Amino acid sequence: MNVLLPLFVGLLAGAVAGKTAAAPVKRSVNLAVGVLGASIGAFLFAPLGLAARGLFGSLATAALGAFLLLFAVGLVRRTT
């Protein structure tokens, strides 16, 4: 179960970020964006003393990280 929960949170976060960013992509891409977003969110918020607690906290951290990831990818795509 400890392996499946981060994947589930990543899938949800990627789906939320994908819908908000209006980027129609496959579920596998949403999962990757969500999992990477969770890592980015944890990396950025930990030095600020903001730690995710529980399912909602993990989902919020992952979704914010996924938004940041999609924003950064959008910036790179515009400049190239």
Protein backbone atom coordinates (compact mmCIF):
# COMPACT_ATOMS: atom_id res chain seq x y z
CA MET A 1 0.00 0.00 0.00
CA ASN A 2 2.90 2.37 0.67
CA VAL A 3 3.89 2.16 -2.99
CA LEU A 4 0.40 2.66 -4.38
CA LEU A 5 -0.55 5.74 -2.38
CA PRO A 6 2.08 8.07 -3.92
CA LEU A 7 1.13 6.80 -7.38
CA PHE A 8 -2.55 7.46 -6.67
CA VAL A 9 -1.79 10.94 -5.33
CA GLY A 10 0.44 11.58 -8.36
CA LEU A 11 -2.29 10.49 -10.75
CA LEU A 12 -4.84 12.74 -9.07
CA ALA A 13 -2.47 15.70 -8.94
CA GLY A 14 -1.48 15.23 -12.57
CA ALA A 15 -5.13 15.00 -13.61
CA VAL A 16 -5.98 18.18 -11.70
CA ALA A 17 -3.01 20.04 -13.18
CA GLY A 18 -3.74 18.70 -16.66
CA LYS A 19 -7.38 19.79 -16.53
CA THR A 20 -6.49 23.21 -15.18
CA ALA A 21 -3.75 23.74 -17.74
CA ALA A 22 -6.12 22.51 -20.49
CA ALA A 23 -3.48 20.13 -21.79
CA PRO A 24 -5.13 17.00 -23.18
CA VAL A 25 -2.65 14.25 -22.42
CA LYS A 26 -2.73 10.56 -21.58
CA ARG A 27 -3.09 9.21 -18.06
CA SER A 28 0.49 7.98 -18.09
CA VAL A 29 1.71 11.53 -18.74
CA ASN A 30 -0.59 12.82 -15.98
CA LEU A 31 0.91 10.26 -13.63
CA ALA A 32 4.45 11.31 -14.51
CA VAL A 33 3.60 15.00 -14.13
CA GLY A 34 1.93 14.31 -10.78
CA VAL A 35 4.77 12.21 -9.38
CA LEU A 36 7.40 14.71 -10.56
CA GLY A 37 5.20 17.50 -9.23
CA ALA A 38 5.02 15.80 -5.84
CA SER A 39 8.81 15.64 -5.75
CA ILE A 40 9.13 19.27 -6.80
CA GLY A 41 6.53 20.38 -4.27
CA ALA A 42 8.18 18.48 -1.44
CA PHE A 43 11.61 19.84 -2.42
CA LEU A 44 10.38 23.44 -2.55
CA PHE A 45 8.11 23.46 0.50
CA ALA A 46 10.34 21.53 2.93
CA PRO A 47 12.84 24.40 3.45
CA LEU A 48 9.88 26.67 4.24
CA GLY A 49 8.77 24.33 6.99
CA LEU A 50 5.64 23.29 5.08
CA ALA A 51 5.27 19.54 5.21
CA ALA A 52 2.40 17.60 3.67
CA ARG A 53 0.34 15.72 6.22
CA GLY A 54 -2.32 13.25 5.20
CA LEU A 55 -3.92 12.63 1.84
CA PHE A 56 -5.12 16.21 1.32
CA GLY A 57 -1.74 17.71 2.16
CA SER A 58 0.05 15.31 -0.15
CA LEU A 59 -2.43 16.03 -2.93
CA ALA A 60 -2.08 19.81 -2.47
CA THR A 61 1.71 19.63 -2.47
CA ALA A 62 1.76 17.38 -5.53
CA ALA A 63 -0.75 19.54 -7.41
CA LEU A 64 1.19 22.75 -6.70
CA GLY A 65 4.40 21.08 -7.79
CA ALA A 66 2.69 19.80 -10.95
CA PHE A 67 1.40 23.31 -11.73
CA LEU A 68 4.93 24.64 -11.35
CA LEU A 69 6.27 21.89 -13.59
CA LEU A 70 3.69 22.60 -16.30
CA PHE A 71 4.38 26.33 -16.01
CA ALA A 72 8.12 25.76 -16.45
CA VAL A 73 7.53 23.45 -19.44
CA GLY A 74 5.27 26.11 -20.98
CA LEU A 75 7.98 28.73 -20.56
CA VAL A 76 10.57 26.50 -22.21
CA ARG A 77 8.25 25.69 -25.12
CA ARG A 78 7.54 29.37 -25.77
CA THR A 79 11.20 30.29 -25.92
CA THR A 80 12.13 27.51 -28.36
